[in-house]
N, C-alpha and C. Protein backbone atom coordinates (compact mmCIF):
# COMPACT_ATOMS: atom_id res chain seq x y z
N MET A 1 63.26 7.55 -13.29
CA MET A 1 62.87 7.02 -12.02
C MET A 1 63.46 5.63 -11.89
N LYS A 2 64.08 5.39 -10.76
CA LYS A 2 64.75 4.12 -10.53
C LYS A 2 63.85 3.24 -9.67
N VAL A 3 63.64 2.02 -10.11
CA VAL A 3 62.82 1.07 -9.36
C VAL A 3 63.74 0.20 -8.53
N ASP A 4 63.41 0.12 -7.27
CA ASP A 4 64.21 -0.69 -6.35
C ASP A 4 63.94 -2.16 -6.65
N ASP A 5 64.96 -2.98 -6.64
CA ASP A 5 64.81 -4.41 -6.93
C ASP A 5 63.90 -5.09 -5.92
N LYS A 6 63.86 -4.62 -4.71
CA LYS A 6 63.00 -5.24 -3.70
C LYS A 6 61.53 -5.07 -4.07
N LEU A 7 61.16 -3.91 -4.61
CA LEU A 7 59.77 -3.67 -5.01
C LEU A 7 59.38 -4.55 -6.19
N SER A 8 60.26 -4.76 -7.12
CA SER A 8 59.93 -5.55 -8.30
C SER A 8 59.75 -7.01 -7.95
N ALA A 9 60.23 -7.45 -6.78
CA ALA A 9 60.07 -8.85 -6.37
C ALA A 9 58.68 -9.11 -5.79
N ILE A 10 57.93 -8.05 -5.47
CA ILE A 10 56.59 -8.23 -4.89
C ILE A 10 55.60 -8.49 -6.02
N PRO A 11 54.79 -9.52 -5.88
CA PRO A 11 53.79 -9.79 -6.92
C PRO A 11 52.87 -8.59 -7.09
N PRO A 12 52.39 -8.32 -8.32
CA PRO A 12 51.58 -7.13 -8.60
C PRO A 12 50.35 -6.99 -7.70
N ARG A 13 49.66 -8.09 -7.37
CA ARG A 13 48.45 -8.02 -6.53
C ARG A 13 48.78 -7.49 -5.14
N GLN A 14 49.85 -7.99 -4.55
CA GLN A 14 50.24 -7.51 -3.22
C GLN A 14 50.67 -6.06 -3.28
N LEU A 15 51.28 -5.68 -4.36
CA LEU A 15 51.75 -4.30 -4.51
C LEU A 15 50.56 -3.34 -4.54
N THR A 16 49.53 -3.66 -5.30
CA THR A 16 48.36 -2.78 -5.37
C THR A 16 47.60 -2.77 -4.05
N GLU A 17 47.58 -3.90 -3.34
CA GLU A 17 46.90 -3.92 -2.06
C GLU A 17 47.63 -3.05 -1.05
N ARG A 18 48.92 -3.02 -1.14
CA ARG A 18 49.70 -2.22 -0.18
C ARG A 18 49.70 -0.75 -0.55
N VAL A 19 49.88 -0.44 -1.81
CA VAL A 19 50.10 0.93 -2.24
C VAL A 19 48.83 1.57 -2.81
N GLY A 20 47.96 0.74 -3.39
CA GLY A 20 46.76 1.25 -4.05
C GLY A 20 45.75 1.82 -3.09
N SER A 21 44.58 2.14 -3.62
CA SER A 21 43.51 2.71 -2.79
C SER A 21 43.05 1.67 -1.77
N PRO A 22 42.56 2.12 -0.64
CA PRO A 22 42.12 1.18 0.38
C PRO A 22 41.01 0.27 -0.14
N GLN A 23 41.13 -0.99 0.15
CA GLN A 23 40.15 -1.98 -0.30
C GLN A 23 38.99 -2.03 0.69
N PRO A 24 37.75 -2.11 0.18
CA PRO A 24 36.62 -2.21 1.11
C PRO A 24 36.64 -3.57 1.80
N LYS A 25 36.09 -3.60 2.99
CA LYS A 25 35.99 -4.87 3.70
C LYS A 25 35.05 -5.77 2.93
N LYS A 26 35.38 -7.06 2.91
CA LYS A 26 34.57 -7.99 2.13
C LYS A 26 33.18 -8.17 2.71
N ASP A 27 33.01 -8.01 4.02
CA ASP A 27 31.70 -8.19 4.64
C ASP A 27 30.90 -6.89 4.69
N ALA A 28 31.49 -5.76 4.25
CA ALA A 28 30.79 -4.48 4.27
C ALA A 28 29.78 -4.42 3.13
N THR A 29 28.59 -3.87 3.43
CA THR A 29 27.56 -3.73 2.41
C THR A 29 27.84 -2.46 1.61
N PRO A 30 27.79 -2.56 0.28
CA PRO A 30 28.02 -1.38 -0.55
C PRO A 30 26.99 -0.29 -0.20
N PRO A 31 27.40 0.97 -0.22
CA PRO A 31 26.50 2.06 0.17
C PRO A 31 25.19 2.10 -0.61
N HIS A 32 25.21 1.73 -1.89
CA HIS A 32 23.97 1.79 -2.68
C HIS A 32 23.00 0.67 -2.31
N LEU A 33 23.43 -0.31 -1.52
CA LEU A 33 22.55 -1.40 -1.11
C LEU A 33 22.07 -1.26 0.33
N VAL A 34 22.55 -0.26 1.02
CA VAL A 34 22.14 -0.05 2.40
C VAL A 34 20.73 0.53 2.40
N ALA A 35 19.83 -0.09 3.15
CA ALA A 35 18.44 0.35 3.19
C ALA A 35 18.31 1.63 3.99
N ALA A 36 17.67 2.59 3.38
CA ALA A 36 17.39 3.85 4.07
C ALA A 36 16.07 3.69 4.81
N GLU A 37 15.92 4.43 5.87
CA GLU A 37 14.67 4.36 6.62
C GLU A 37 13.60 5.11 5.84
N ASP A 38 12.49 4.44 5.57
CA ASP A 38 11.38 5.07 4.87
C ASP A 38 10.40 5.64 5.88
N THR A 39 9.87 6.78 5.58
CA THR A 39 8.85 7.36 6.44
C THR A 39 7.63 7.69 5.59
N VAL A 40 6.48 7.62 6.21
CA VAL A 40 5.24 7.92 5.53
C VAL A 40 4.51 8.98 6.35
N ASP A 41 4.09 10.02 5.68
CA ASP A 41 3.34 11.08 6.34
C ASP A 41 1.98 11.15 5.66
N LEU A 42 0.95 10.70 6.36
CA LEU A 42 -0.38 10.66 5.76
C LEU A 42 -1.10 11.98 5.97
N SER A 43 -1.83 12.38 4.96
CA SER A 43 -2.61 13.61 5.08
C SER A 43 -3.83 13.34 5.96
N THR A 44 -4.45 14.40 6.39
CA THR A 44 -5.66 14.27 7.22
C THR A 44 -6.73 13.52 6.45
N ARG A 45 -6.86 13.83 5.19
CA ARG A 45 -7.88 13.17 4.34
C ARG A 45 -7.62 11.66 4.25
N SER A 46 -6.39 11.25 4.06
CA SER A 46 -6.09 9.82 3.95
C SER A 46 -6.34 9.11 5.27
N ARG A 47 -6.07 9.79 6.40
CA ARG A 47 -6.39 9.19 7.70
C ARG A 47 -7.88 9.01 7.87
N GLU A 48 -8.66 9.98 7.41
CA GLU A 48 -10.12 9.88 7.48
C GLU A 48 -10.62 8.71 6.64
N VAL A 49 -10.04 8.54 5.46
CA VAL A 49 -10.42 7.43 4.57
C VAL A 49 -10.09 6.10 5.24
N GLN A 50 -8.90 6.00 5.84
CA GLN A 50 -8.52 4.77 6.53
C GLN A 50 -9.46 4.47 7.69
N ASP A 51 -9.83 5.49 8.45
CA ASP A 51 -10.76 5.30 9.55
C ASP A 51 -12.13 4.83 9.05
N ALA A 52 -12.60 5.44 7.96
CA ALA A 52 -13.89 5.05 7.38
C ALA A 52 -13.85 3.60 6.90
N ARG A 53 -12.76 3.22 6.27
CA ARG A 53 -12.64 1.82 5.80
C ARG A 53 -12.64 0.86 6.97
N ARG A 54 -11.97 1.24 8.06
CA ARG A 54 -11.93 0.39 9.24
C ARG A 54 -13.33 0.20 9.82
N VAL A 55 -14.10 1.29 9.90
CA VAL A 55 -15.47 1.23 10.41
C VAL A 55 -16.34 0.38 9.50
N LEU A 56 -16.21 0.56 8.19
CA LEU A 56 -17.00 -0.23 7.24
C LEU A 56 -16.66 -1.71 7.33
N ALA A 57 -15.40 -2.02 7.54
CA ALA A 57 -14.99 -3.42 7.64
C ALA A 57 -15.60 -4.10 8.86
N GLU A 58 -15.89 -3.31 9.90
CA GLU A 58 -16.47 -3.87 11.11
C GLU A 58 -17.98 -4.09 11.00
N LEU A 59 -18.61 -3.42 10.03
CA LEU A 59 -20.06 -3.56 9.86
C LEU A 59 -20.39 -4.91 9.24
N PRO A 60 -21.50 -5.51 9.65
CA PRO A 60 -21.89 -6.79 9.03
C PRO A 60 -22.38 -6.55 7.60
N GLU A 61 -22.21 -7.56 6.76
CA GLU A 61 -22.65 -7.44 5.37
C GLU A 61 -24.18 -7.41 5.29
N ILE A 62 -24.84 -8.13 6.16
CA ILE A 62 -26.30 -8.19 6.18
C ILE A 62 -26.78 -7.57 7.48
N ARG A 63 -27.65 -6.58 7.37
CA ARG A 63 -28.22 -5.95 8.55
C ARG A 63 -29.41 -6.78 9.03
N GLU A 64 -29.12 -7.69 9.93
CA GLU A 64 -30.12 -8.65 10.41
C GLU A 64 -31.36 -7.96 10.97
N ASP A 65 -31.20 -6.84 11.67
CA ASP A 65 -32.34 -6.15 12.25
C ASP A 65 -33.29 -5.62 11.18
N LYS A 66 -32.72 -5.09 10.09
CA LYS A 66 -33.54 -4.57 8.99
C LYS A 66 -34.23 -5.72 8.25
N VAL A 67 -33.50 -6.80 8.03
CA VAL A 67 -34.09 -7.98 7.36
C VAL A 67 -35.25 -8.52 8.18
N ALA A 68 -35.06 -8.61 9.49
CA ALA A 68 -36.12 -9.14 10.37
C ALA A 68 -37.35 -8.23 10.35
N ALA A 69 -37.14 -6.91 10.34
CA ALA A 69 -38.27 -5.98 10.30
C ALA A 69 -39.05 -6.10 9.00
N ILE A 70 -38.35 -6.19 7.88
CA ILE A 70 -39.03 -6.32 6.58
C ILE A 70 -39.72 -7.68 6.48
N ARG A 71 -39.08 -8.72 6.98
CA ARG A 71 -39.69 -10.06 6.97
C ARG A 71 -41.00 -10.05 7.77
N ALA A 72 -40.97 -9.39 8.91
CA ALA A 72 -42.19 -9.31 9.74
C ALA A 72 -43.29 -8.54 9.02
N GLN A 73 -42.93 -7.46 8.33
CA GLN A 73 -43.93 -6.69 7.57
C GLN A 73 -44.52 -7.52 6.44
N ILE A 74 -43.67 -8.29 5.75
CA ILE A 74 -44.15 -9.14 4.65
C ILE A 74 -45.11 -10.19 5.19
N GLU A 75 -44.74 -10.85 6.28
CA GLU A 75 -45.58 -11.88 6.88
C GLU A 75 -46.91 -11.31 7.38
N ALA A 76 -46.86 -10.06 7.86
CA ALA A 76 -48.09 -9.42 8.35
C ALA A 76 -48.91 -8.81 7.22
N GLY A 77 -48.34 -8.75 6.02
CA GLY A 77 -49.04 -8.17 4.88
C GLY A 77 -49.05 -6.65 4.89
N THR A 78 -48.16 -6.04 5.63
CA THR A 78 -48.13 -4.58 5.73
C THR A 78 -46.96 -3.96 4.97
N TYR A 79 -46.16 -4.76 4.31
CA TYR A 79 -45.01 -4.23 3.58
C TYR A 79 -45.49 -3.60 2.29
N VAL A 80 -45.13 -2.33 2.08
CA VAL A 80 -45.55 -1.59 0.90
C VAL A 80 -44.30 -1.21 0.10
N VAL A 81 -44.34 -1.51 -1.19
CA VAL A 81 -43.24 -1.16 -2.08
C VAL A 81 -43.55 0.21 -2.68
N ASP A 82 -42.64 1.15 -2.51
CA ASP A 82 -42.80 2.49 -3.08
C ASP A 82 -42.13 2.49 -4.45
N SER A 83 -42.94 2.30 -5.49
CA SER A 83 -42.39 2.17 -6.84
C SER A 83 -41.73 3.46 -7.32
N GLU A 84 -42.24 4.62 -6.92
CA GLU A 84 -41.61 5.88 -7.32
C GLU A 84 -40.20 6.01 -6.73
N LYS A 85 -40.08 5.62 -5.46
CA LYS A 85 -38.77 5.70 -4.80
C LYS A 85 -37.77 4.75 -5.47
N ILE A 86 -38.24 3.57 -5.83
CA ILE A 86 -37.37 2.60 -6.52
C ILE A 86 -36.96 3.15 -7.89
N ALA A 87 -37.90 3.72 -8.63
CA ALA A 87 -37.60 4.27 -9.95
C ALA A 87 -36.60 5.42 -9.85
N GLU A 88 -36.76 6.30 -8.86
CA GLU A 88 -35.83 7.42 -8.68
C GLU A 88 -34.41 6.92 -8.41
N LYS A 89 -34.30 5.92 -7.56
CA LYS A 89 -32.97 5.38 -7.24
C LYS A 89 -32.34 4.68 -8.44
N MET A 90 -33.16 3.98 -9.24
CA MET A 90 -32.63 3.31 -10.44
C MET A 90 -32.11 4.34 -11.43
N ILE A 91 -32.86 5.44 -11.63
CA ILE A 91 -32.44 6.49 -12.57
C ILE A 91 -31.17 7.17 -12.06
N ALA A 92 -31.13 7.49 -10.76
CA ALA A 92 -29.95 8.15 -10.19
C ALA A 92 -28.73 7.27 -10.34
N GLU A 93 -28.88 5.99 -10.06
CA GLU A 93 -27.74 5.09 -10.19
C GLU A 93 -27.30 4.94 -11.64
N GLY A 94 -28.28 4.89 -12.56
CA GLY A 94 -27.95 4.81 -13.98
C GLY A 94 -27.19 6.04 -14.45
N LEU A 95 -27.61 7.22 -13.99
CA LEU A 95 -26.91 8.46 -14.35
C LEU A 95 -25.50 8.49 -13.78
N LEU A 96 -25.37 8.05 -12.55
CA LEU A 96 -24.06 8.02 -11.93
C LEU A 96 -23.12 7.09 -12.68
N ASN A 97 -23.61 5.92 -13.04
CA ASN A 97 -22.78 4.95 -13.77
C ASN A 97 -22.40 5.47 -15.15
N SER A 98 -23.31 6.20 -15.81
CA SER A 98 -22.98 6.72 -17.15
C SER A 98 -21.92 7.82 -17.06
N ARG A 99 -21.88 8.56 -15.97
CA ARG A 99 -20.86 9.60 -15.79
C ARG A 99 -19.49 9.02 -15.49
N LEU A 100 -19.48 7.84 -14.85
CA LEU A 100 -18.21 7.21 -14.48
C LEU A 100 -17.52 6.54 -15.66
N LYS A 101 -18.25 6.32 -16.73
CA LYS A 101 -17.67 5.63 -17.89
C LYS A 101 -16.89 6.55 -18.76
């Protein structure tokens, strides 16, 4: 193969730019860095959970109406503590906590 003298006078970098594979544009983002559009498809159950959380977030931490009613009963001397009901709830909560561990 005979090499033309004109080609040998071209610096190697220019030669590869002219003859080699096409060079990517310097301002082009590489394909692996291009952000793909993400989509989220929520199940019916997850939508229900989100709705429940939204409703709970809107509820006040202290139920003023219930506090006022109990306060009035205490002041009137009519508030009765149901010890059996309290004991049942304590046992149920204790059992639930032991199952979660």
